[in-house]
Amino acid sequence: MKPIPPLVSRRHLLAQLGTAAALAPLTAFSQDKASPQVFQRAAKGQIKVGLSAFSFRDHYPFMKGKPNARVKAGSRTVDLPEVIDLAASYGAEGIEVTSYFFKPEFTDADILECKHRAHVNGVTISGTAVGNNLSYDPQNDPRYEEQMTYVKEWIDYAVLMGAPFVRVFAGHAPKNTPEQVANERVISALQTLGEYAGERGIFLGIENHDSVATPERLLTLVKEVDNPWVGINLDNGNFLVDDPYNAFEKCLPHAINVQIKTE
């Protein structure tokens, strides 16, 4: 059987990863020592370059438990263990095993297959991610508890796969919800989930995504949670502000994971 050709050339991918590696010196930015949620790092500039499984989102048969509508007819498909192999072949040091791309009705065995594949390839599973929403009304909307249960399940899966980190989202509040009210819901949820995660040695990183498109709102949420296991998943492509570089710099001391996009 002929080997399957790579989805991306190694040279092309390493050129992209070079952009991420260049961010290492950013950790030298001044830090707000008074903030409860600044991570004090013993060494500066030690960012390890990895790959998010989300980068191959057009090639998985399933997305969030349903057939993946992004897959084009006749195109090659992959599963998460194969993407771990690809990450290793590209020279990436880590891989985010994004939860969305497991097959429906997956089992612990599927999680452990990823863990096994990563270890024998010398690739670290750097984290996972859930497509959650923490902005529902906890008093009157049953979806709030559903989302809390969902995130806790993936905290437990992170423990099983040996991932130290789960990226999470504030999501969108129902229409006409004041931002302050939405913030209070997200903060309360992250405080509860942060305690659960911290007891299991798992970091939670809230991403600047969806309704959290400014550094001000992102920092408000993280600082109010005030938990050493809760920080920022910092995405360079998601700030909807005039000066995203300044926004990135403000949030970097609170980051526990950084994502670099080329689109």
C-alpha atoms as a PDB file:
ATOM      1  CA  MET A   1       0.000   0.000   0.000  1.00  0.00           C
ATOM      2  CA  LYS A   2       1.373   3.388  -0.947  1.00  0.00           C
ATOM      3  CA  PRO A   3       1.963   5.845   1.922  1.00  0.00           C
ATOM      4  CA  ILE A   4      -0.590   8.611   2.231  1.00  0.00           C
ATOM      5  CA  PRO A   5       0.948  11.944   1.174  1.00  0.00           C
ATOM      6  CA  PRO A   6       1.041  14.668   3.827  1.00  0.00           C
ATOM      7  CA  LEU A   7      -1.747  17.237   3.980  1.00  0.00           C
ATOM      8  CA  VAL A   8       0.842  19.995   4.361  1.00  0.00           C
ATOM      9  CA  SER A   9       4.474  19.953   3.316  1.00  0.00           C
ATOM     10  CA  ARG A  10       6.959  19.855   6.157  1.00  0.00           C
ATOM     11  CA  ARG A  11       8.792  22.896   4.785  1.00  0.00           C
ATOM     12  CA  HIS A  12       5.545  24.906   4.630  1.00  0.00           C
ATOM     13  CA  LEU A  13       4.522  23.949   8.145  1.00  0.00           C
ATOM     14  CA  LEU A  14       7.907  24.734   9.664  1.00  0.00           C
ATOM     15  CA  ALA A  15       7.783  28.127   8.000  1.00  0.00           C
ATOM     16  CA  GLN A  16       4.489  28.732   9.763  1.00  0.00           C
ATOM     17  CA  LEU A  17       5.830  27.413  13.065  1.00  0.00           C
ATOM     18  CA  GLY A  18       8.749  29.784  12.765  1.00  0.00           C
ATOM     19  CA  THR A  19       6.247  32.581  13.293  1.00  0.00           C
ATOM     20  CA  ALA A  20       5.140  31.002  16.541  1.00  0.00           C
ATOM     21  CA  ALA A  21       8.713  30.450  17.701  1.00  0.00           C
ATOM     22  CA  ALA A  22       9.445  34.112  17.168  1.00  0.00           C
ATOM     23  CA  LEU A  23       7.031  34.917  19.959  1.00  0.00           C
ATOM     24  CA  ALA A  24       9.290  33.477  22.606  1.00  0.00           C
ATOM     25  CA  PRO A  25      10.858  36.848  23.630  1.00  0.00           C
ATOM     26  CA  LEU A  26       7.384  38.298  24.284  1.00  0.00           C
ATOM     27  CA  THR A  27       7.399  36.766  27.746  1.00  0.00           C
ATOM     28  CA  ALA A  28       9.918  39.448  28.683  1.00  0.00           C
ATOM     29  CA  PHE A  29       7.139  42.062  28.767  1.00  0.00           C
ATOM     30  CA  SER A  30       6.700  43.784  32.107  1.00  0.00           C
ATOM     31  CA  GLN A  31       4.193  42.074  34.363  1.00  0.00           C
ATOM     32  CA  ASP A  32       1.622  43.529  36.720  1.00  0.00           C
ATOM     33  CA  LYS A  33       2.915  42.092  39.999  1.00  0.00           C
ATOM     34  CA  ALA A  34      -0.211  43.201  41.858  1.00  0.00           C
ATOM     35  CA  SER A  35      -2.520  41.148  39.655  1.00  0.00           C
ATOM     36  CA  PRO A  36      -3.768  37.934  41.235  1.00  0.00           C
ATOM     37  CA  GLN A  37      -3.593  36.167  37.908  1.00  0.00           C
ATOM     38  CA  VAL A  38      -0.099  36.808  36.579  1.00  0.00           C
ATOM     39  CA  PHE A  39       2.042  33.713  36.111  1.00  0.00           C
ATOM     40  CA  GLN A  40       5.525  34.263  37.505  1.00  0.00           C
ATOM     41  CA  ARG A  41       7.916  32.410  35.228  1.00  0.00           C
ATOM     42  CA  ALA A  42      11.423  31.437  36.229  1.00  0.00           C
ATOM     43  CA  ALA A  43      12.684  31.603  32.641  1.00  0.00           C
ATOM     44  CA  LYS A  44      11.766  33.869  29.764  1.00  0.00           C
ATOM     45  CA  GLY A  45      11.191  32.979  26.157  1.00  0.00           C
ATOM     46  CA  GLN A  46      10.717  29.237  26.577  1.00  0.00           C
ATOM     47  CA  ILE A  47       7.754  28.668  24.287  1.00  0.00           C
ATOM     48  CA  LYS A  48       7.533  25.186  22.809  1.00  0.00           C
ATOM     49  CA  VAL A  49       6.091  25.052  19.325  1.00  0.00           C
ATOM     50  CA  GLY A  50       3.214  22.685  18.729  1.00  0.00           C
ATOM     51  CA  LEU A  51       0.270  22.112  16.434  1.00  0.00           C
ATOM     52  CA  SER A  52      -3.460  22.323  17.081  1.00  0.00           C
ATOM     53  CA  ALA A  53      -5.514  19.474  15.662  1.00  0.00           C
ATOM     54  CA  PHE A  54      -8.057  22.171  14.768  1.00  0.00           C
ATOM     55  CA  SER A  55      -5.752  23.163  11.911  1.00  0.00           C
ATOM     56  CA  PHE A  56      -6.977  20.081  10.028  1.00  0.00           C
ATOM     57  CA  ARG A  57     -10.675  20.821  10.591  1.00  0.00           C
ATOM     58  CA  ASP A  58     -11.492  20.374   6.884  1.00  0.00           C
ATOM     59  CA  HIS A  59     -10.304  16.762   6.939  1.00  0.00           C
ATOM     60  CA  TYR A  60     -12.029  14.995   9.857  1.00  0.00           C
ATOM     61  CA  PRO A  61     -15.067  12.804   9.136  1.00  0.00           C
ATOM     62  CA  PHE A  62     -16.812  14.189  12.219  1.00  0.00           C
ATOM     63  CA  MET A  63     -17.046  17.526  14.009  1.00  0.00           C
ATOM     64  CA  LYS A  64     -18.717  17.814  17.418  1.00  0.00           C
ATOM     65  CA  GLY A  65     -20.376  14.429  17.039  1.00  0.00           C
ATOM     66  CA  LYS A  66     -21.861  15.076  13.596  1.00  0.00           C
ATOM     67  CA  PRO A  67     -20.704  14.498  10.018  1.00  0.00           C
ATOM     68  CA  ASN A  68     -18.255  17.251   9.157  1.00  0.00           C
ATOM     69  CA  ALA A  69     -19.847  19.505   6.542  1.00  0.00           C
ATOM     70  CA  ARG A  70     -16.444  21.082   5.814  1.00  0.00           C
ATOM     71  CA  VAL A  71     -15.114  17.901   4.204  1.00  0.00           C
ATOM     72  CA  LYS A  72     -15.223  18.216   0.423  1.00  0.00           C
ATOM     73  CA  ALA A  73     -16.367  15.282  -1.669  1.00  0.00           C
ATOM     74  CA  GLY A  74     -13.450  13.057  -2.595  1.00  0.00           C
ATOM     75  CA  SER A  75     -10.981  14.773  -0.262  1.00  0.00           C
ATOM     76  CA  ARG A  76      -8.709  12.874   2.059  1.00  0.00           C
ATOM     77  CA  THR A  77      -9.865  12.427   5.651  1.00  0.00           C
ATOM     78  CA  VAL A  78      -7.832  11.825   8.804  1.00  0.00           C
ATOM     79  CA  ASP A  79      -8.423  10.888  12.413  1.00  0.00           C
ATOM     80  CA  LEU A  80      -6.745  12.313  15.506  1.00  0.00           C
ATOM     81  CA  PRO A  81      -4.107   9.562  15.892  1.00  0.00           C
ATOM     82  CA  GLU A  82      -2.993  10.186  12.291  1.00  0.00           C
ATOM     83  CA  VAL A  83      -2.761  13.919  12.940  1.00  0.00           C
ATOM     84  CA  ILE A  84      -0.533  13.141  15.921  1.00  0.00           C
ATOM     85  CA  ASP A  85       1.697  11.197  13.524  1.00  0.00           C
ATOM     86  CA  LEU A  86       1.711  14.163  11.150  1.00  0.00           C
ATOM     87  CA  ALA A  87       2.667  16.541  13.967  1.00  0.00           C
ATOM     88  CA  ALA A  88       5.614  14.302  14.798  1.00  0.00           C
ATOM     89  CA  SER A  89       6.689  14.076  11.145  1.00  0.00           C
ATOM     90  CA  TYR A  90       6.586  17.882  10.867  1.00  0.00           C
ATOM     91  CA  GLY A  91       8.878  18.229  13.878  1.00  0.00           C
ATOM     92  CA  ALA A  92       6.275  19.782  16.194  1.00  0.00           C
ATOM     93  CA  GLU A  93       6.999  19.371  19.894  1.00  0.00           C
ATOM     94  CA  GLY A  94       3.357  19.203  20.964  1.00  0.00           C
ATOM     95  CA  ILE A  95      -0.186  18.623  19.767  1.00  0.00           C
ATOM     96  CA  GLU A  96      -3.519  19.952  20.993  1.00  0.00           C
ATOM     97  CA  VAL A  97      -5.950  17.048  20.732  1.00  0.00           C
ATOM     98  CA  THR A  98      -9.092  19.105  20.085  1.00  0.00           C
ATOM     99  CA  SER A  99     -12.197  17.375  21.448  1.00  0.00           C
ATOM    100  CA  TYR A 100     -14.447  18.262  18.509  1.00  0.00           C
ATOM    101  CA  PHE A 101     -12.949  15.667  16.193  1.00  0.00           C
ATOM    102  CA  PHE A 102     -13.425  12.426  18.059  1.00  0.00           C
ATOM    103  CA  LYS A 103     -15.953  10.097  16.479  1.00  0.00           C
ATOM    104  CA  PRO A 104     -19.491   9.998  17.920  1.00  0.00           C
ATOM    105  CA  GLU A 105     -19.808   7.711  20.932  1.00  0.00           C
ATOM    106  CA  PHE A 106     -16.048   7.637  21.466  1.00  0.00           C
ATOM    107  CA  THR A 107     -14.715   5.747  24.479  1.00  0.00           C
ATOM    108  CA  ASP A 108     -11.807   5.981  26.901  1.00  0.00           C
ATOM    109  CA  ALA A 109      -9.950   3.661  24.542  1.00  0.00           C
ATOM    110  CA  ASP A 110     -10.013   6.355  21.855  1.00  0.00           C
ATOM    111  CA  ILE A 111      -8.545   8.867  24.310  1.00  0.00           C
ATOM    112  CA  LEU A 112      -5.845   6.411  25.336  1.00  0.00           C
ATOM    113  CA  GLU A 113      -4.990   5.643  21.713  1.00  0.00           C
ATOM    114  CA  CYS A 114      -4.093   9.324  21.278  1.00  0.00           C
ATOM    115  CA  LYS A 115      -2.033   9.255  24.459  1.00  0.00           C
ATOM    116  CA  HIS A 116      -0.175   6.148  23.278  1.00  0.00           C
ATOM    117  CA  ARG A 117       0.404   7.524  19.784  1.00  0.00           C
ATOM    118  CA  ALA A 118       1.770  10.799  21.129  1.00  0.00           C
ATOM    119  CA  HIS A 119       4.170   9.184  23.573  1.00  0.00           C
ATOM    120  CA  VAL A 120       5.708   6.706  21.128  1.00  0.00           C
ATOM    121  CA  ASN A 121       6.193   9.579  18.674  1.00  0.00           C
ATOM    122  CA  GLY A 122       7.859  11.774  21.274  1.00  0.00           C
ATOM    123  CA  VAL A 123       5.131  14.396  21.003  1.00  0.00           C
ATOM    124  CA  THR A 124       3.593  16.044  24.067  1.00  0.00           C
ATOM    125  CA  ILE A 125      -0.191  16.362  24.268  1.00  0.00           C
ATOM    126  CA  SER A 126      -0.245  20.032  25.206  1.00  0.00           C
ATOM    127  CA  GLY A 127      -3.991  20.319  25.775  1.00  0.00           C
ATOM    128  CA  THR A 128      -7.497  19.853  24.522  1.00  0.00           C
ATOM    129  CA  ALA A 129     -10.475  22.141  23.879  1.00  0.00           C
ATOM    130  CA  VAL A 130     -14.233  22.190  24.311  1.00  0.00           C
ATOM    131  CA  GLY A 131     -16.821  24.199  22.377  1.00  0.00           C
ATOM    132  CA  ASN A 132     -18.718  25.398  25.422  1.00  0.00           C
ATOM    133  CA  ASN A 133     -20.864  28.383  26.421  1.00  0.00           C
ATOM    134  CA  LEU A 134     -20.768  29.675  30.018  1.00  0.00           C
ATOM    135  CA  SER A 135     -23.035  32.694  29.436  1.00  0.00           C
ATOM    136  CA  TYR A 136     -26.422  31.044  29.977  1.00  0.00           C
ATOM    137  CA  ASP A 137     -28.626  32.012  32.924  1.00  0.00           C
ATOM    138  CA  PRO A 138     -27.745  29.590  35.769  1.00  0.00           C
ATOM    139  CA  GLN A 139     -31.112  30.143  37.454  1.00  0.00           C
ATOM    140  CA  ASN A 140     -33.502  29.700  34.536  1.00  0.00           C
ATOM    141  CA  ASP A 141     -31.712  27.988  31.663  1.00  0.00           C
ATOM    142  CA  PRO A 142     -30.975  24.225  31.891  1.00  0.00           C
ATOM    143  CA  ARG A 143     -28.242  24.654  29.300  1.00  0.00           C
ATOM    144  CA  TYR A 144     -26.044  26.246  31.965  1.00  0.00           C
ATOM    145  CA  GLU A 145     -25.740  23.022  33.969  1.00  0.00           C
ATOM    146  CA  GLU A 146     -25.366  21.033  30.773  1.00  0.00           C
ATOM    147  CA  GLN A 147     -22.373  23.164  29.849  1.00  0.00           C
ATOM    148  CA  MET A 148     -20.854  22.873  33.311  1.00  0.00           C
ATOM    149  CA  THR A 149     -21.129  19.092  33.140  1.00  0.00           C
ATOM    150  CA  TYR A 150     -19.674  19.103  29.633  1.00  0.00           C
ATOM    151  CA  VAL A 151     -16.570  21.061  30.691  1.00  0.00           C
ATOM    152  CA  LYS A 152     -16.049  18.889  33.776  1.00  0.00           C
ATOM    153  CA  GLU A 153     -16.198  15.773  31.600  1.00  0.00           C
ATOM    154  CA  TRP A 154     -13.411  17.150  29.436  1.00  0.00           C
ATOM    155  CA  ILE A 155     -11.349  18.107  32.448  1.00  0.00           C
ATOM    156  CA  ASP A 156     -11.512  14.430  33.385  1.00  0.00           C
ATOM    157  CA  TYR A 157     -10.633  13.400  29.824  1.00  0.00           C
ATOM    158  CA  ALA A 158      -7.645  15.744  29.975  1.00  0.00           C
ATOM    159  CA  VAL A 159      -6.443  13.875  33.047  1.00  0.00           C
ATOM    160  CA  LEU A 160      -6.890  10.577  31.203  1.00  0.00           C
ATOM    161  CA  MET A 161      -4.946  11.678  28.115  1.00  0.00           C
ATOM    162  CA  GLY A 162      -2.219  13.400  30.129  1.00  0.00           C
ATOM    163  CA  ALA A 163      -3.035  16.904  28.863  1.00  0.00           C
ATOM    164  CA  PRO A 164      -2.323  19.706  31.358  1.00  0.00           C
ATOM    165  CA  PHE A 165      -4.703  22.214  29.812  1.00  0.00           C
ATOM    166  CA  VAL A 166      -8.264  22.679  28.510  1.00  0.00           C
ATOM    167  CA  ARG A 167      -9.217  25.778  26.554  1.00  0.00           C
ATOM    168  CA  VAL A 168     -12.706  27.047  27.183  1.00  0.00           C
ATOM    169  CA  PHE A 169     -14.966  29.847  26.004  1.00  0.00           C
ATOM    170  CA  ALA A 170     -17.287  32.411  27.523  1.00  0.00           C
ATOM    171  CA  GLY A 171     -19.650  31.948  24.590  1.00  0.00           C
ATOM    172  CA  HIS A 172     -22.562  34.223  23.777  1.00  0.00           C
ATOM    173  CA  ALA A 173     -25.229  35.242  26.274  1.00  0.00           C
ATOM    174  CA  PRO A 174     -28.886  35.271  25.166  1.00  0.00           C
ATOM    175  CA  LYS A 175     -29.919  38.408  23.293  1.00  0.00           C
ATOM    176  CA  ASN A 176     -30.322  41.624  25.328  1.00  0.00           C
ATOM    177  CA  THR A 177     -28.269  40.296  28.268  1.00  0.00           C
ATOM    178  CA  PRO A 178     -26.199  43.171  29.743  1.00  0.00           C
ATOM    179  CA  GLU A 179     -22.477  42.565  29.521  1.00  0.00           C
ATOM    180  CA  GLN A 180     -22.084  42.916  33.284  1.00  0.00           C
ATOM    181  CA  VAL A 181     -24.626  40.156  33.851  1.00  0.00           C
ATOM    182  CA  ALA A 182     -22.936  37.939  31.274  1.00  0.00           C
ATOM    183  CA  ASN A 183     -19.576  38.593  32.941  1.00  0.00           C
ATOM    184  CA  GLU A 184     -20.934  37.587  36.339  1.00  0.00           C
ATOM    185  CA  ARG A 185     -22.195  34.299  34.925  1.00  0.00           C
ATOM    186  CA  VAL A 186     -18.906  33.479  33.246  1.00  0.00           C
ATOM    187  CA  ILE A 187     -16.852  34.438  36.299  1.00  0.00           C
ATOM    188  CA  SER A 188     -19.016  32.313  38.603  1.00  0.00           C
ATOM    189  CA  ALA A 189     -18.808  29.352  36.219  1.00  0.00           C
ATOM    190  CA  LEU A 190     -15.031  29.648  35.869  1.00  0.00           C
ATOM    191  CA  GLN A 191     -14.598  29.870  39.632  1.00  0.00           C
ATOM    192  CA  THR A 192     -16.475  26.606  40.062  1.00  0.00           C
ATOM    193  CA  LEU A 193     -14.771  24.905  37.128  1.00  0.00           C
ATOM    194  CA  GLY A 194     -11.371  26.257  38.172  1.00  0.00           C
ATOM    195  CA  GLU A 195     -11.701  24.602  41.558  1.00  0.00           C
ATOM    196  CA  TYR A 196     -12.687  21.328  39.921  1.00  0.00           C
ATOM    197  CA  ALA A 197      -9.803  21.547  37.445  1.00  0.00           C
ATOM    198  CA  GLY A 198      -7.222  22.611  40.007  1.00  0.00           C
ATOM    199  CA  GLU A 199      -8.028  19.625  42.218  1.00  0.00           C
ATOM    200  CA  ARG A 200      -7.119  17.448  39.228  1.00  0.00           C
ATOM    201  CA  GLY A 201      -4.027  19.409  38.198  1.00  0.00           C
ATOM    202  CA  ILE A 202      -5.569  20.807  35.023  1.00  0.00           C
ATOM    203  CA  PHE A 203      -5.314  24.401  33.769  1.00  0.00           C
ATOM    204  CA  LEU A 204      -8.278  26.161  32.182  1.00  0.00           C
ATOM    205  CA  GLY A 205      -7.555  28.821  29.583  1.00  0.00           C
ATOM    206  CA  ILE A 206     -10.364  31.127  28.516  1.00  0.00           C
ATOM    207  CA  GLU A 207      -9.883  32.207  24.927  1.00  0.00           C
ATOM    208  CA  ASN A 208     -10.358  35.664  23.432  1.00  0.00           C
ATOM    209  CA  HIS A 209     -13.138  34.453  21.168  1.00  0.00           C
ATOM    210  CA  ASP A 210     -16.854  34.959  20.469  1.00  0.00           C
ATOM    211  CA  SER A 211     -18.110  37.668  22.828  1.00  0.00           C
ATOM    212  CA  VAL A 212     -14.648  38.164  24.374  1.00  0.00           C
ATOM    213  CA  ALA A 213     -12.986  40.213  21.657  1.00  0.00           C
ATOM    214  CA  THR A 214     -11.231  42.919  23.724  1.00  0.00           C
ATOM    215  CA  PRO A 215      -8.376  42.648  26.220  1.00  0.00           C
ATOM    216  CA  GLU A 216     -10.422  44.606  28.767  1.00  0.00           C
ATOM    217  CA  ARG A 217     -13.186  42.027  28.945  1.00  0.00           C
ATOM    218  CA  LEU A 218     -10.777  39.102  28.835  1.00  0.00           C
ATOM    219  CA  LEU A 219      -8.685  40.466  31.693  1.00  0.00           C
ATOM    220  CA  THR A 220     -11.769  41.338  33.736  1.00  0.00           C
ATOM    221  CA  LEU A 221     -12.937  37.734  33.590  1.00  0.00           C
ATOM    222  CA  VAL A 222      -9.584  36.182  34.455  1.00  0.00           C
ATOM    223  CA  LYS A 223      -8.697  38.577  37.267  1.00  0.00           C
ATOM    224  CA  GLU A 224     -12.109  38.237  38.925  1.00  0.00           C
ATOM    225  CA  VAL A 225     -11.894  34.451  38.863  1.00  0.00           C
ATOM    226  CA  ASP A 226      -8.607  34.725  40.793  1.00  0.00           C
ATOM    227  CA  ASN A 227      -7.579  31.080  40.553  1.00  0.00           C
ATOM    228  CA  PRO A 228      -3.974  30.000  39.805  1.00  0.00           C
ATOM    229  CA  TRP A 229      -5.320  27.211  37.578  1.00  0.00           C
ATOM    230  CA  VAL A 230      -7.310  29.608  35.367  1.00  0.00           C
ATOM    231  CA  GLY A 231      -5.611  31.811  32.800  1.00  0.00           C
ATOM    232  CA  ILE A 232      -5.844  32.909  29.183  1.00  0.00           C
ATOM    233  CA  ASN A 233      -5.669  30.929  25.970  1.00  0.00           C
ATOM    234  CA  LEU A 234      -4.282  33.789  23.901  1.00  0.00           C
ATOM    235  CA  ASP A 235      -5.184  33.739  20.196  1.00  0.00           C
ATOM    236  CA  ASN A 236      -3.430  36.284  17.988  1.00  0.00           C
ATOM    237  CA  GLY A 237      -6.245  36.326  15.434  1.00  0.00           C
ATOM    238  CA  ASN A 238      -9.247  37.022  17.626  1.00  0.00           C
ATOM    239  CA  PHE A 239      -8.938  40.548  19.028  1.00  0.00           C
ATOM    240  CA  LEU A 240     -11.409  42.897  17.328  1.00  0.00           C
ATOM    241  CA  VAL A 241      -9.566  46.098  18.240  1.00  0.00           C
ATOM    242  CA  ASP A 242      -7.563  48.756  16.409  1.00  0.00           C
ATOM    243  CA  ASP A 243      -4.253  47.652  17.931  1.00  0.00           C
ATOM    244  CA  PRO A 244      -4.222  43.873  18.415  1.00  0.00           C
ATOM    245  CA  TYR A 245      -0.487  43.899  19.184  1.00  0.00           C
ATOM    246  CA  ASN A 246      -1.056  46.067  22.238  1.00  0.00           C
ATOM    247  CA  ALA A 247      -3.967  43.853  23.280  1.00  0.00           C
ATOM    248  CA  PHE A 248      -1.734  40.794  22.943  1.00  0.00           C
ATOM    249  CA  GLU A 249       0.947  42.399  25.099  1.00  0.00           C
ATOM    250  CA  LYS A 250      -1.528  43.285  27.851  1.00  0.00           C
ATOM    251  CA  CYS A 251      -2.791  39.725  28.104  1.00  0.00           C
ATOM    252  CA  LEU A 252       0.435  37.793  27.668  1.00  0.00           C
ATOM    253  CA  PRO A 253       1.472  37.701  31.361  1.00  0.00           C
ATOM    254  CA  HIS A 254      -1.819  35.917  32.096  1.00  0.00           C
ATOM    255  CA  ALA A 255      -1.472  33.382  29.259  1.00  0.00           C
ATOM    256  CA  ILE A 256      -1.000  29.676  29.782  1.00  0.00           C
ATOM    257  CA  ASN A 257      -1.213  28.823  26.093  1.00  0.00           C
ATOM    258  CA  VAL A 258      -0.716  30.843  22.900  1.00  0.00           C
ATOM    259  CA  GLN A 259      -2.209  30.180  19.472  1.00  0.00           C
ATOM    260  CA  ILE A 260      -0.738  31.708  16.330  1.00  0.00           C
ATOM    261  CA  LYS A 261      -2.819  31.903  13.151  1.00  0.00           C
ATOM    262  CA  THR A 262      -1.888  32.830   9.610  1.00  0.00           C
ATOM    263  CA  GLU A 263      -5.457  33.708   8.626  1.00  0.00           C
END
